Amino acid sequence: MGADVDPVTLEVLWSRLRGIPTEMGSHLSRTAYSAVIKYARDFSTAVFTWDGRMLAQGVYAPGHLGSMPFMVDKIREHFPLEEWNPGDVVLTNDPRINSGHLPDLFVFAPIFWEGEILGFCVIGGHHLDIGGAGTASMRRAPTT
């Protein structure tokens, strides 16, 4: 498509694109086990191009959206585009690649069309219980 796309077609396509991260969030909140994601909706969704540009974002908590482009770049550095296959998924909560803190988990899934990677769907969300000694903790149990 070039510059000759009429405004109605452009709006229809743009609405469809914006609907993808909204649907991602709708499915996530309906199926989540984390109460923070399910009820507080402390998550963000977005669609990125293959080269890391954000195309559309969901209408959820915007807090994770600031770090998402940096994380997409880091994931692309660690997993070059030619290594991705349909069905691959990367899950990370590494604060060194900009996830924020340990309870923020990010999922990256590639989007393929006719064997070529077009971009990524990304979800970032906050979990209460990430495996600490007690409920909603990240710390080891105190020693006596």
C-alpha atoms as a PDB file:
ATOM      1  CA  MET A   1       0.000   0.000   0.000  1.00  0.00           C
ATOM      2  CA  GLY A   2       1.174   3.464  -0.756  1.00  0.00           C
ATOM      3  CA  ALA A   3       0.026   7.019  -0.197  1.00  0.00           C
ATOM      4  CA  ASP A   4      -3.027   6.449  -2.406  1.00  0.00           C
ATOM      5  CA  VAL A   5      -5.017   4.633   0.319  1.00  0.00           C
ATOM      6  CA  ASP A   6      -8.338   6.323   0.852  1.00  0.00           C
ATOM      7  CA  PRO A   7      -9.138   7.611   4.379  1.00  0.00           C
ATOM      8  CA  VAL A   8     -11.940   5.102   4.981  1.00  0.00           C
ATOM      9  CA  THR A   9      -9.743   2.103   4.164  1.00  0.00           C
ATOM     10  CA  LEU A  10      -6.950   3.543   6.287  1.00  0.00           C
ATOM     11  CA  GLU A  11      -9.296   3.973   9.279  1.00  0.00           C
ATOM     12  CA  VAL A  12     -10.654   0.435   8.909  1.00  0.00           C
ATOM     13  CA  LEU A  13      -7.130  -1.006   8.816  1.00  0.00           C
ATOM     14  CA  TRP A  14      -5.991   1.174  11.712  1.00  0.00           C
ATOM     15  CA  SER A  15      -9.004   0.110  13.811  1.00  0.00           C
ATOM     16  CA  ARG A  16      -8.269  -3.551  13.104  1.00  0.00           C
ATOM     17  CA  LEU A  17      -4.612  -3.086  14.087  1.00  0.00           C
ATOM     18  CA  ARG A  18      -5.555  -1.296  17.331  1.00  0.00           C
ATOM     19  CA  GLY A  19      -7.953  -4.133  18.105  1.00  0.00           C
ATOM     20  CA  ILE A  20      -5.191  -6.750  18.260  1.00  0.00           C
ATOM     21  CA  PRO A  21      -3.594  -5.619  21.560  1.00  0.00           C
ATOM     22  CA  THR A  22      -7.059  -4.965  22.983  1.00  0.00           C
ATOM     23  CA  GLU A  23      -8.043  -8.571  22.229  1.00  0.00           C
ATOM     24  CA  MET A  24      -4.743  -9.795  23.689  1.00  0.00           C
ATOM     25  CA  GLY A  25      -5.579  -8.040  26.959  1.00  0.00           C
ATOM     26  CA  SER A  26      -9.153  -9.275  26.970  1.00  0.00           C
ATOM     27  CA  HIS A  27      -8.016 -12.894  26.671  1.00  0.00           C
ATOM     28  CA  LEU A  28      -5.258 -12.395  29.249  1.00  0.00           C
ATOM     29  CA  SER A  29      -7.561 -10.916  31.889  1.00  0.00           C
ATOM     30  CA  ARG A  30     -10.159 -13.661  31.367  1.00  0.00           C
ATOM     31  CA  THR A  31      -7.641 -16.509  31.701  1.00  0.00           C
ATOM     32  CA  ALA A  32      -5.132 -15.123  34.232  1.00  0.00           C
ATOM     33  CA  TYR A  33      -4.423 -16.825  37.534  1.00  0.00           C
ATOM     34  CA  SER A  34      -2.785 -13.696  38.945  1.00  0.00           C
ATOM     35  CA  ALA A  35      -5.350 -11.575  40.810  1.00  0.00           C
ATOM     36  CA  VAL A  36      -3.368  -8.442  39.964  1.00  0.00           C
ATOM     37  CA  ILE A  37      -3.719  -9.186  36.254  1.00  0.00           C
ATOM     38  CA  LYS A  38      -7.243 -10.578  36.385  1.00  0.00           C
ATOM     39  CA  TYR A  39      -8.891  -7.925  38.571  1.00  0.00           C
ATOM     40  CA  ALA A  40      -6.560  -4.917  38.764  1.00  0.00           C
ATOM     41  CA  ARG A  41      -5.527  -5.259  35.103  1.00  0.00           C
ATOM     42  CA  ASP A  42      -1.920  -4.390  35.902  1.00  0.00           C
ATOM     43  CA  PHE A  43      -0.618  -5.363  32.469  1.00  0.00           C
ATOM     44  CA  SER A  44       0.137  -3.852  29.083  1.00  0.00           C
ATOM     45  CA  THR A  45      -0.161  -5.200  25.551  1.00  0.00           C
ATOM     46  CA  ALA A  46       1.405  -4.059  22.292  1.00  0.00           C
ATOM     47  CA  VAL A  47       2.233  -5.031  18.729  1.00  0.00           C
ATOM     48  CA  PHE A  48       5.703  -4.277  17.344  1.00  0.00           C
ATOM     49  CA  THR A  49       7.248  -4.400  13.882  1.00  0.00           C
ATOM     50  CA  TRP A  50      10.138  -6.796  13.186  1.00  0.00           C
ATOM     51  CA  ASP A  51      12.592  -3.934  13.752  1.00  0.00           C
ATOM     52  CA  GLY A  52      11.183  -2.977  17.150  1.00  0.00           C
ATOM     53  CA  ARG A  53       8.786  -0.098  16.418  1.00  0.00           C
ATOM     54  CA  MET A  54       5.559  -0.107  18.427  1.00  0.00           C
ATOM     55  CA  LEU A  55       2.555  -0.132  16.082  1.00  0.00           C
ATOM     56  CA  ALA A  56      -0.350  -0.350  18.501  1.00  0.00           C
ATOM     57  CA  GLN A  57      -0.930  -0.651  22.231  1.00  0.00           C
ATOM     58  CA  GLY A  58      -3.769  -1.891  24.391  1.00  0.00           C
ATOM     59  CA  VAL A  59      -5.933   0.257  26.618  1.00  0.00           C
ATOM     60  CA  TYR A  60      -4.631  -1.223  29.851  1.00  0.00           C
ATOM     61  CA  ALA A  61      -2.073  -0.059  32.463  1.00  0.00           C
ATOM     62  CA  PRO A  62       0.493   2.011  30.549  1.00  0.00           C
ATOM     63  CA  GLY A  63       3.306   1.496  33.063  1.00  0.00           C
ATOM     64  CA  HIS A  64       4.957  -1.351  31.166  1.00  0.00           C
ATOM     65  CA  LEU A  65       4.787   0.337  27.760  1.00  0.00           C
ATOM     66  CA  GLY A  66       7.765   2.598  28.438  1.00  0.00           C
ATOM     67  CA  SER A  67      10.172  -0.304  28.804  1.00  0.00           C
ATOM     68  CA  MET A  68       8.691  -2.529  26.091  1.00  0.00           C
ATOM     69  CA  PRO A  69      10.589  -1.050  23.109  1.00  0.00           C
ATOM     70  CA  PHE A  70      13.898  -1.442  24.962  1.00  0.00           C
ATOM     71  CA  MET A  71      13.026  -5.015  25.846  1.00  0.00           C
ATOM     72  CA  VAL A  72      12.078  -5.828  22.255  1.00  0.00           C
ATOM     73  CA  ASP A  73      15.514  -4.564  21.186  1.00  0.00           C
ATOM     74  CA  LYS A  74      17.239  -6.719  23.832  1.00  0.00           C
ATOM     75  CA  ILE A  75      15.214  -9.798  22.906  1.00  0.00           C
ATOM     76  CA  ARG A  76      16.042  -9.226  19.228  1.00  0.00           C
ATOM     77  CA  GLU A  77      19.752  -8.942  20.129  1.00  0.00           C
ATOM     78  CA  HIS A  78      19.667 -12.173  22.116  1.00  0.00           C
ATOM     79  CA  PHE A  79      17.460 -14.038  19.617  1.00  0.00           C
ATOM     80  CA  PRO A  80      18.218 -12.839  16.053  1.00  0.00           C
ATOM     81  CA  LEU A  81      15.241 -12.740  13.684  1.00  0.00           C
ATOM     82  CA  GLU A  82      16.501 -15.682  11.610  1.00  0.00           C
ATOM     83  CA  GLU A  83      16.387 -17.926  14.714  1.00  0.00           C
ATOM     84  CA  TRP A  84      12.662 -17.412  15.390  1.00  0.00           C
ATOM     85  CA  ASN A  85      10.118 -20.006  14.292  1.00  0.00           C
ATOM     86  CA  PRO A  86       6.330 -20.016  14.350  1.00  0.00           C
ATOM     87  CA  GLY A  87       5.181 -21.025  17.826  1.00  0.00           C
ATOM     88  CA  ASP A  88       8.257 -19.678  19.623  1.00  0.00           C
ATOM     89  CA  VAL A  89       7.654 -17.638  22.777  1.00  0.00           C
ATOM     90  CA  VAL A  90      10.085 -15.861  25.097  1.00  0.00           C
ATOM     91  CA  LEU A  91       9.172 -15.158  28.724  1.00  0.00           C
ATOM     92  CA  THR A  92      11.412 -12.944  30.858  1.00  0.00           C
ATOM     93  CA  ASN A  93      11.428 -10.958  34.066  1.00  0.00           C
ATOM     94  CA  ASP A  94      15.087  -9.925  33.874  1.00  0.00           C
ATOM     95  CA  PRO A  95      15.420  -6.397  35.309  1.00  0.00           C
ATOM     96  CA  ARG A  96      18.767  -6.039  33.507  1.00  0.00           C
ATOM     97  CA  ILE A  97      16.946  -5.881  30.186  1.00  0.00           C
ATOM     98  CA  ASN A  98      14.505  -3.332  31.500  1.00  0.00           C
ATOM     99  CA  SER A  99      11.588  -5.350  32.857  1.00  0.00           C
ATOM    100  CA  GLY A 100      11.363  -3.069  35.889  1.00  0.00           C
ATOM    101  CA  HIS A 101      11.415  -5.529  38.759  1.00  0.00           C
ATOM    102  CA  LEU A 102      11.125  -9.276  39.285  1.00  0.00           C
ATOM    103  CA  PRO A 103       7.305  -9.475  39.527  1.00  0.00           C
ATOM    104  CA  ASP A 104       6.963  -7.926  36.034  1.00  0.00           C
ATOM    105  CA  LEU A 105       6.858 -10.737  33.487  1.00  0.00           C
ATOM    106  CA  PHE A 106       7.003 -10.104  29.737  1.00  0.00           C
ATOM    107  CA  VAL A 107       5.990 -12.502  26.972  1.00  0.00           C
ATOM    108  CA  PHE A 108       7.207 -12.065  23.386  1.00  0.00           C
ATOM    109  CA  ALA A 109       5.618 -13.995  20.519  1.00  0.00           C
ATOM    110  CA  PRO A 110       6.640 -13.571  16.875  1.00  0.00           C
ATOM    111  CA  ILE A 111       4.127 -12.794  14.145  1.00  0.00           C
ATOM    112  CA  PHE A 112       4.739 -14.666  10.892  1.00  0.00           C
ATOM    113  CA  TRP A 113       3.195 -14.265   7.461  1.00  0.00           C
ATOM    114  CA  GLU A 114       4.077 -16.731   4.698  1.00  0.00           C
ATOM    115  CA  GLY A 115       7.216 -17.821   6.547  1.00  0.00           C
ATOM    116  CA  GLU A 116       8.523 -14.293   7.161  1.00  0.00           C
ATOM    117  CA  ILE A 117       8.640 -12.627  10.580  1.00  0.00           C
ATOM    118  CA  LEU A 118       6.626  -9.404  10.541  1.00  0.00           C
ATOM    119  CA  GLY A 119       6.762  -8.418  14.178  1.00  0.00           C
ATOM    120  CA  PHE A 120       5.983  -9.345  17.764  1.00  0.00           C
ATOM    121  CA  CYS A 121       3.049  -9.402  20.113  1.00  0.00           C
ATOM    122  CA  VAL A 122       4.183  -8.448  23.613  1.00  0.00           C
ATOM    123  CA  ILE A 123       2.431  -8.623  26.974  1.00  0.00           C
ATOM    124  CA  GLY A 124       3.935  -7.323  30.200  1.00  0.00           C
ATOM    125  CA  GLY A 125       2.213  -7.880  33.494  1.00  0.00           C
ATOM    126  CA  HIS A 126       2.707  -7.714  37.230  1.00  0.00           C
ATOM    127  CA  HIS A 127       2.373 -10.883  39.305  1.00  0.00           C
ATOM    128  CA  LEU A 128       1.866 -10.907  43.046  1.00  0.00           C
ATOM    129  CA  ASP A 129       3.611 -14.170  43.783  1.00  0.00           C
ATOM    130  CA  ILE A 130       6.892 -14.691  41.972  1.00  0.00           C
ATOM    131  CA  GLY A 131       8.303 -17.460  44.141  1.00  0.00           C
ATOM    132  CA  GLY A 132       9.451 -15.887  47.383  1.00  0.00           C
ATOM    133  CA  ALA A 133       9.234 -17.428  50.839  1.00  0.00           C
ATOM    134  CA  GLY A 134       5.740 -16.087  51.485  1.00  0.00           C
ATOM    135  CA  THR A 135       2.712 -15.001  49.537  1.00  0.00           C
ATOM    136  CA  ALA A 136       3.408 -11.905  47.436  1.00  0.00           C
ATOM    137  CA  SER A 137       7.112 -11.899  48.270  1.00  0.00           C
ATOM    138  CA  MET A 138      10.395 -12.142  46.400  1.00  0.00           C
ATOM    139  CA  ARG A 139      12.640 -12.583  49.438  1.00  0.00           C
ATOM    140  CA  ARG A 140      14.093 -15.591  51.146  1.00  0.00           C
ATOM    141  CA  ALA A 141      12.636 -16.668  54.459  1.00  0.00           C
ATOM    142  CA  PRO A 142      14.429 -15.092  57.433  1.00  0.00           C
ATOM    143  CA  THR A 143      16.917 -17.335  59.152  1.00  0.00           C
ATOM    144  CA  THR A 144      16.896 -17.723  62.908  1.00  0.00           C
END
